[in-house]
Amino acid sequence: GVVNATDLQVSLVVNGAVIKTFAPGGADKAIYLSALPSLPWAVEARTSSGRVLATMNVTAGDLQPESGITSHGTESGIGLSCGQLYMWSGPTEPSWPAPQPGSPGDCLP
């Protein structure tokens, strides 16, 4: 899943391919396995200019082979001066830490 609570347009990129682009303030809590390439996944959240905001890796060990869903998953995120971005591979959205203030200029595309 992805929560883009920033003022930026953000693309979810998996193994170099754009899976979905999120408008500012966009969220998708159900990105289905059928939309993704084969494991392992190198996951990036990128701005419209291609700047990488957050990364995570998902391996076969993160999946339950019988069901094809993530068992414990991985997660990543960033606090920016214009909001927060979170992404995860687990079955449910994790509890995120309190927002961080970010730094000046961190919300340029």
N, C-alpha and C. Protein backbone atom coordinates (compact mmCIF):
# COMPACT_ATOMS: atom_id res chain seq x y z
N GLY A 1 0.82 -1.18 0.00
CA GLY A 1 0.00 0.00 0.00
C GLY A 1 0.87 1.24 0.00
N VAL A 2 0.25 2.35 -0.35
CA VAL A 2 0.93 3.64 -0.37
C VAL A 2 -0.02 4.72 0.16
N VAL A 3 0.50 5.57 1.02
CA VAL A 3 -0.20 6.78 1.42
C VAL A 3 0.71 7.94 1.07
N ASN A 4 0.25 8.78 0.17
CA ASN A 4 0.99 9.97 -0.24
C ASN A 4 0.29 11.19 0.35
N ALA A 5 0.63 11.51 1.58
CA ALA A 5 0.05 12.67 2.25
C ALA A 5 0.97 13.88 2.09
N THR A 6 1.51 14.05 0.88
CA THR A 6 2.39 15.18 0.57
C THR A 6 1.72 16.07 -0.48
N ASP A 7 2.37 17.16 -0.80
CA ASP A 7 1.92 18.06 -1.86
C ASP A 7 2.51 17.68 -3.22
N LEU A 8 3.19 16.53 -3.29
CA LEU A 8 3.89 16.11 -4.50
C LEU A 8 3.15 15.00 -5.23
N GLN A 9 3.29 14.95 -6.54
CA GLN A 9 2.87 13.78 -7.31
C GLN A 9 3.97 12.74 -7.12
N VAL A 10 3.59 11.51 -6.75
CA VAL A 10 4.57 10.47 -6.44
C VAL A 10 4.22 9.21 -7.21
N SER A 11 5.23 8.59 -7.82
CA SER A 11 5.05 7.33 -8.53
C SER A 11 5.64 6.19 -7.73
N LEU A 12 4.91 5.07 -7.70
CA LEU A 12 5.41 3.84 -7.13
C LEU A 12 6.09 3.08 -8.25
N VAL A 13 7.40 2.82 -8.07
CA VAL A 13 8.21 2.16 -9.09
C VAL A 13 8.70 0.84 -8.50
N VAL A 14 8.45 -0.26 -9.22
CA VAL A 14 8.89 -1.58 -8.77
C VAL A 14 9.74 -2.20 -9.86
N ASN A 15 10.97 -2.52 -9.51
CA ASN A 15 11.94 -3.10 -10.44
C ASN A 15 12.07 -2.26 -11.71
N GLY A 16 12.03 -0.94 -11.52
CA GLY A 16 12.24 -0.01 -12.62
C GLY A 16 11.00 0.36 -13.41
N ALA A 17 9.85 -0.26 -13.13
CA ALA A 17 8.62 0.03 -13.87
C ALA A 17 7.63 0.80 -12.98
N VAL A 18 7.04 1.84 -13.54
CA VAL A 18 6.02 2.60 -12.80
C VAL A 18 4.77 1.74 -12.69
N ILE A 19 4.34 1.50 -11.46
CA ILE A 19 3.15 0.70 -11.20
C ILE A 19 1.92 1.60 -11.10
N LYS A 20 2.07 2.73 -10.43
CA LYS A 20 0.96 3.65 -10.24
C LYS A 20 1.51 5.01 -9.84
N THR A 21 0.83 6.06 -10.27
CA THR A 21 1.20 7.42 -9.87
C THR A 21 0.09 7.99 -9.00
N PHE A 22 0.49 8.59 -7.90
CA PHE A 22 -0.44 9.13 -6.92
C PHE A 22 -0.43 10.64 -6.95
N ALA A 23 -1.60 11.23 -7.05
CA ALA A 23 -1.75 12.67 -6.97
C ALA A 23 -1.39 13.12 -5.55
N PRO A 24 -1.11 14.39 -5.37
CA PRO A 24 -0.89 14.88 -4.00
C PRO A 24 -2.07 14.48 -3.11
N GLY A 25 -1.74 13.97 -1.94
CA GLY A 25 -2.77 13.55 -1.00
C GLY A 25 -3.43 12.23 -1.37
N GLY A 26 -2.86 11.47 -2.32
CA GLY A 26 -3.47 10.21 -2.78
C GLY A 26 -3.06 9.01 -1.95
N ALA A 27 -3.91 8.00 -1.94
CA ALA A 27 -3.62 6.77 -1.20
C ALA A 27 -4.18 5.58 -1.97
N ASP A 28 -3.51 4.47 -1.87
CA ASP A 28 -4.02 3.22 -2.39
C ASP A 28 -3.58 2.14 -1.43
N LYS A 29 -4.52 1.66 -0.65
CA LYS A 29 -4.17 0.68 0.36
C LYS A 29 -4.27 -0.74 -0.15
N ALA A 30 -4.47 -0.92 -1.46
CA ALA A 30 -4.56 -2.27 -2.02
C ALA A 30 -3.90 -2.29 -3.40
N ILE A 31 -2.60 -2.50 -3.42
CA ILE A 31 -1.89 -2.69 -4.69
C ILE A 31 -1.72 -4.20 -4.83
N TYR A 32 -2.37 -4.77 -5.82
CA TYR A 32 -2.48 -6.21 -5.93
C TYR A 32 -1.25 -6.85 -6.55
N LEU A 33 -0.97 -8.08 -6.11
CA LEU A 33 0.17 -8.83 -6.62
C LEU A 33 0.12 -8.97 -8.13
N SER A 34 -1.07 -9.05 -8.69
CA SER A 34 -1.20 -9.23 -10.14
C SER A 34 -0.68 -8.02 -10.92
N ALA A 35 -0.56 -6.86 -10.26
CA ALA A 35 -0.05 -5.66 -10.91
C ALA A 35 1.46 -5.55 -10.83
N LEU A 36 2.09 -6.49 -10.12
CA LEU A 36 3.52 -6.40 -9.84
C LEU A 36 4.32 -7.45 -10.61
N PRO A 37 5.60 -7.16 -10.87
CA PRO A 37 6.47 -8.14 -11.52
C PRO A 37 6.84 -9.25 -10.54
N SER A 38 7.60 -10.21 -11.01
CA SER A 38 8.06 -11.30 -10.15
C SER A 38 8.99 -10.78 -9.06
N LEU A 39 8.99 -11.47 -7.93
CA LEU A 39 9.90 -11.16 -6.83
C LEU A 39 11.32 -11.48 -7.23
N PRO A 40 12.30 -10.87 -6.58
CA PRO A 40 12.19 -9.86 -5.53
C PRO A 40 11.84 -8.50 -6.12
N TRP A 41 11.37 -7.60 -5.24
CA TRP A 41 10.98 -6.26 -5.67
C TRP A 41 11.91 -5.21 -5.07
N ALA A 42 12.43 -4.37 -5.92
CA ALA A 42 13.12 -3.14 -5.49
C ALA A 42 12.09 -2.04 -5.68
N VAL A 43 11.61 -1.49 -4.59
CA VAL A 43 10.50 -0.53 -4.60
C VAL A 43 11.03 0.87 -4.32
N GLU A 44 10.57 1.81 -5.12
CA GLU A 44 10.94 3.21 -4.92
C GLU A 44 9.69 4.08 -5.02
N ALA A 45 9.68 5.14 -4.26
CA ALA A 45 8.68 6.20 -4.41
C ALA A 45 9.44 7.38 -5.00
N ARG A 46 9.01 7.82 -6.20
CA ARG A 46 9.72 8.88 -6.91
C ARG A 46 8.82 10.07 -7.18
N THR A 47 9.44 11.26 -7.18
CA THR A 47 8.72 12.47 -7.55
C THR A 47 8.58 12.52 -9.07
N SER A 48 7.87 13.51 -9.57
CA SER A 48 7.65 13.64 -11.02
C SER A 48 8.95 13.87 -11.78
N SER A 49 9.98 14.39 -11.12
CA SER A 49 11.28 14.59 -11.78
C SER A 49 12.18 13.36 -11.66
N GLY A 50 11.71 12.33 -10.94
CA GLY A 50 12.50 11.11 -10.78
C GLY A 50 13.28 11.03 -9.49
N ARG A 51 13.19 12.04 -8.64
CA ARG A 51 13.90 12.03 -7.36
C ARG A 51 13.31 10.94 -6.46
N VAL A 52 14.17 10.11 -5.90
CA VAL A 52 13.74 9.01 -5.02
C VAL A 52 13.51 9.55 -3.62
N LEU A 53 12.29 9.33 -3.10
CA LEU A 53 11.95 9.77 -1.75
C LEU A 53 12.13 8.66 -0.72
N ALA A 54 11.77 7.43 -1.09
CA ALA A 54 11.86 6.30 -0.16
C ALA A 54 12.06 5.03 -0.96
N THR A 55 12.70 4.05 -0.34
CA THR A 55 12.94 2.75 -0.97
C THR A 55 12.66 1.63 0.01
N MET A 56 12.40 0.46 -0.53
CA MET A 56 12.33 -0.76 0.28
C MET A 56 12.51 -1.96 -0.65
N ASN A 57 12.92 -3.06 -0.08
CA ASN A 57 13.09 -4.30 -0.84
C ASN A 57 12.14 -5.34 -0.26
N VAL A 58 11.52 -6.11 -1.14
CA VAL A 58 10.62 -7.18 -0.72
C VAL A 58 11.12 -8.46 -1.38
N THR A 59 11.33 -9.49 -0.55
CA THR A 59 11.83 -10.77 -1.05
C THR A 59 10.77 -11.86 -0.86
N ALA A 60 11.04 -13.02 -1.41
CA ALA A 60 10.11 -14.14 -1.27
C ALA A 60 9.90 -14.50 0.20
N GLY A 61 10.88 -14.25 1.05
CA GLY A 61 10.73 -14.53 2.47
C GLY A 61 9.69 -13.67 3.15
N ASP A 62 9.27 -12.60 2.49
CA ASP A 62 8.24 -11.72 3.03
C ASP A 62 6.83 -12.20 2.68
N LEU A 63 6.73 -13.27 1.88
CA LEU A 63 5.43 -13.76 1.43
C LEU A 63 5.11 -15.11 2.03
N GLN A 64 3.83 -15.39 2.17
CA GLN A 64 3.35 -16.71 2.55
C GLN A 64 3.10 -17.47 1.26
N PRO A 65 3.92 -18.45 0.92
CA PRO A 65 3.78 -19.12 -0.38
C PRO A 65 2.40 -19.71 -0.65
N GLU A 66 1.72 -20.20 0.38
CA GLU A 66 0.42 -20.83 0.16
C GLU A 66 -0.62 -19.82 -0.29
N SER A 67 -0.59 -18.63 0.29
CA SER A 67 -1.65 -17.66 0.02
C SER A 67 -1.21 -16.55 -0.93
N GLY A 68 0.10 -16.34 -1.06
CA GLY A 68 0.59 -15.28 -1.92
C GLY A 68 0.47 -13.90 -1.32
N ILE A 69 0.09 -13.82 -0.03
CA ILE A 69 0.02 -12.51 0.61
C ILE A 69 1.21 -12.32 1.53
N THR A 70 1.51 -11.09 1.84
CA THR A 70 2.65 -10.84 2.70
C THR A 70 2.33 -11.26 4.13
N SER A 71 3.32 -11.82 4.80
CA SER A 71 3.12 -12.27 6.16
C SER A 71 3.54 -11.20 7.16
N HIS A 72 4.68 -10.63 6.97
CA HIS A 72 5.12 -9.57 7.87
C HIS A 72 5.51 -8.32 7.09
N GLY A 73 5.95 -8.48 5.90
CA GLY A 73 6.19 -7.36 5.00
C GLY A 73 7.33 -6.45 5.41
N THR A 74 7.49 -5.43 4.62
CA THR A 74 8.48 -4.40 4.88
C THR A 74 7.77 -3.07 4.75
N GLU A 75 8.43 -2.02 5.19
CA GLU A 75 7.83 -0.69 5.13
C GLU A 75 8.90 0.37 4.99
N SER A 76 8.48 1.52 4.50
CA SER A 76 9.39 2.64 4.33
C SER A 76 8.57 3.92 4.27
N GLY A 77 9.19 5.01 4.57
CA GLY A 77 8.49 6.29 4.50
C GLY A 77 9.43 7.44 4.71
N ILE A 78 8.87 8.64 4.57
CA ILE A 78 9.65 9.85 4.75
C ILE A 78 8.73 10.96 5.22
N GLY A 79 9.24 11.78 6.12
CA GLY A 79 8.55 13.00 6.54
C GLY A 79 9.17 14.18 5.82
N LEU A 80 8.35 14.93 5.12
CA LEU A 80 8.81 16.11 4.38
C LEU A 80 8.13 17.35 4.95
N SER A 81 8.62 18.51 4.57
CA SER A 81 8.00 19.73 5.04
C SER A 81 6.60 19.92 4.46
N CYS A 82 6.25 19.18 3.40
CA CYS A 82 4.92 19.28 2.78
C CYS A 82 4.07 18.04 3.05
N GLY A 83 4.44 17.23 4.03
CA GLY A 83 3.64 16.06 4.38
C GLY A 83 4.47 14.81 4.52
N GLN A 84 3.78 13.66 4.56
CA GLN A 84 4.44 12.37 4.75
C GLN A 84 4.09 11.41 3.63
N LEU A 85 5.02 10.50 3.38
CA LEU A 85 4.80 9.44 2.41
C LEU A 85 5.13 8.13 3.10
N TYR A 86 4.23 7.13 2.95
CA TYR A 86 4.46 5.82 3.53
C TYR A 86 4.13 4.75 2.50
N MET A 87 4.89 3.67 2.52
CA MET A 87 4.59 2.51 1.69
C MET A 87 4.94 1.27 2.49
N TRP A 88 4.20 0.19 2.23
CA TRP A 88 4.40 -1.05 2.97
C TRP A 88 3.99 -2.23 2.12
N SER A 89 4.50 -3.41 2.50
CA SER A 89 4.16 -4.62 1.77
C SER A 89 3.41 -5.62 2.63
N GLY A 90 3.07 -5.26 3.84
CA GLY A 90 2.36 -6.17 4.72
C GLY A 90 0.87 -6.20 4.46
N PRO A 91 0.16 -7.09 5.14
CA PRO A 91 -1.27 -7.25 4.90
C PRO A 91 -2.11 -6.08 5.43
N THR A 92 -1.57 -5.33 6.38
CA THR A 92 -2.31 -4.19 6.91
C THR A 92 -1.38 -2.99 7.02
N GLU A 93 -1.97 -1.82 7.00
CA GLU A 93 -1.18 -0.59 7.13
C GLU A 93 -0.58 -0.53 8.53
N PRO A 94 0.73 -0.33 8.61
CA PRO A 94 1.37 -0.25 9.92
C PRO A 94 1.04 1.06 10.63
N SER A 95 1.35 1.12 11.92
CA SER A 95 1.22 2.36 12.67
C SER A 95 2.46 3.19 12.39
N TRP A 96 2.26 4.40 11.94
CA TRP A 96 3.38 5.25 11.56
C TRP A 96 3.75 6.18 12.69
N PRO A 97 5.03 6.59 12.74
CA PRO A 97 5.47 7.53 13.79
C PRO A 97 4.85 8.90 13.57
N ALA A 98 4.97 9.74 14.58
CA ALA A 98 4.47 11.12 14.48
C ALA A 98 5.17 11.83 13.32
N PRO A 99 4.46 12.72 12.64
CA PRO A 99 5.06 13.45 11.51
C PRO A 99 6.33 14.19 11.92
N GLN A 100 7.30 14.19 11.02
CA GLN A 100 8.54 14.93 11.20
C GLN A 100 8.45 16.21 10.39
N PRO A 101 9.17 17.25 10.78
CA PRO A 101 9.02 18.53 10.12
C PRO A 101 9.64 18.61 8.72
N GLY A 102 10.54 17.71 8.36
CA GLY A 102 11.23 17.81 7.08
C GLY A 102 12.23 18.94 7.10
N SER A 103 12.76 19.31 5.94
CA SER A 103 13.73 20.40 5.87
C SER A 103 13.40 21.29 4.67
N PRO A 104 13.81 22.54 4.74
CA PRO A 104 13.52 23.46 3.63
C PRO A 104 14.02 22.92 2.29
N GLY A 105 13.17 23.04 1.27
CA GLY A 105 13.54 22.60 -0.07
C GLY A 105 13.31 21.14 -0.34
N ASP A 106 12.85 20.36 0.67
CA ASP A 106 12.68 18.92 0.45
C ASP A 106 11.43 18.57 -0.35
N CYS A 107 10.61 19.55 -0.68
CA CYS A 107 9.39 19.27 -1.45
C CYS A 107 9.46 19.72 -2.90
N LEU A 108 10.65 19.95 -3.38
CA LEU A 108 10.81 20.22 -4.80
C LEU A 108 10.57 18.92 -5.56
N PRO A 109 9.94 18.98 -6.74
CA PRO A 109 9.69 17.73 -7.46
C PRO A 109 10.99 17.04 -7.83
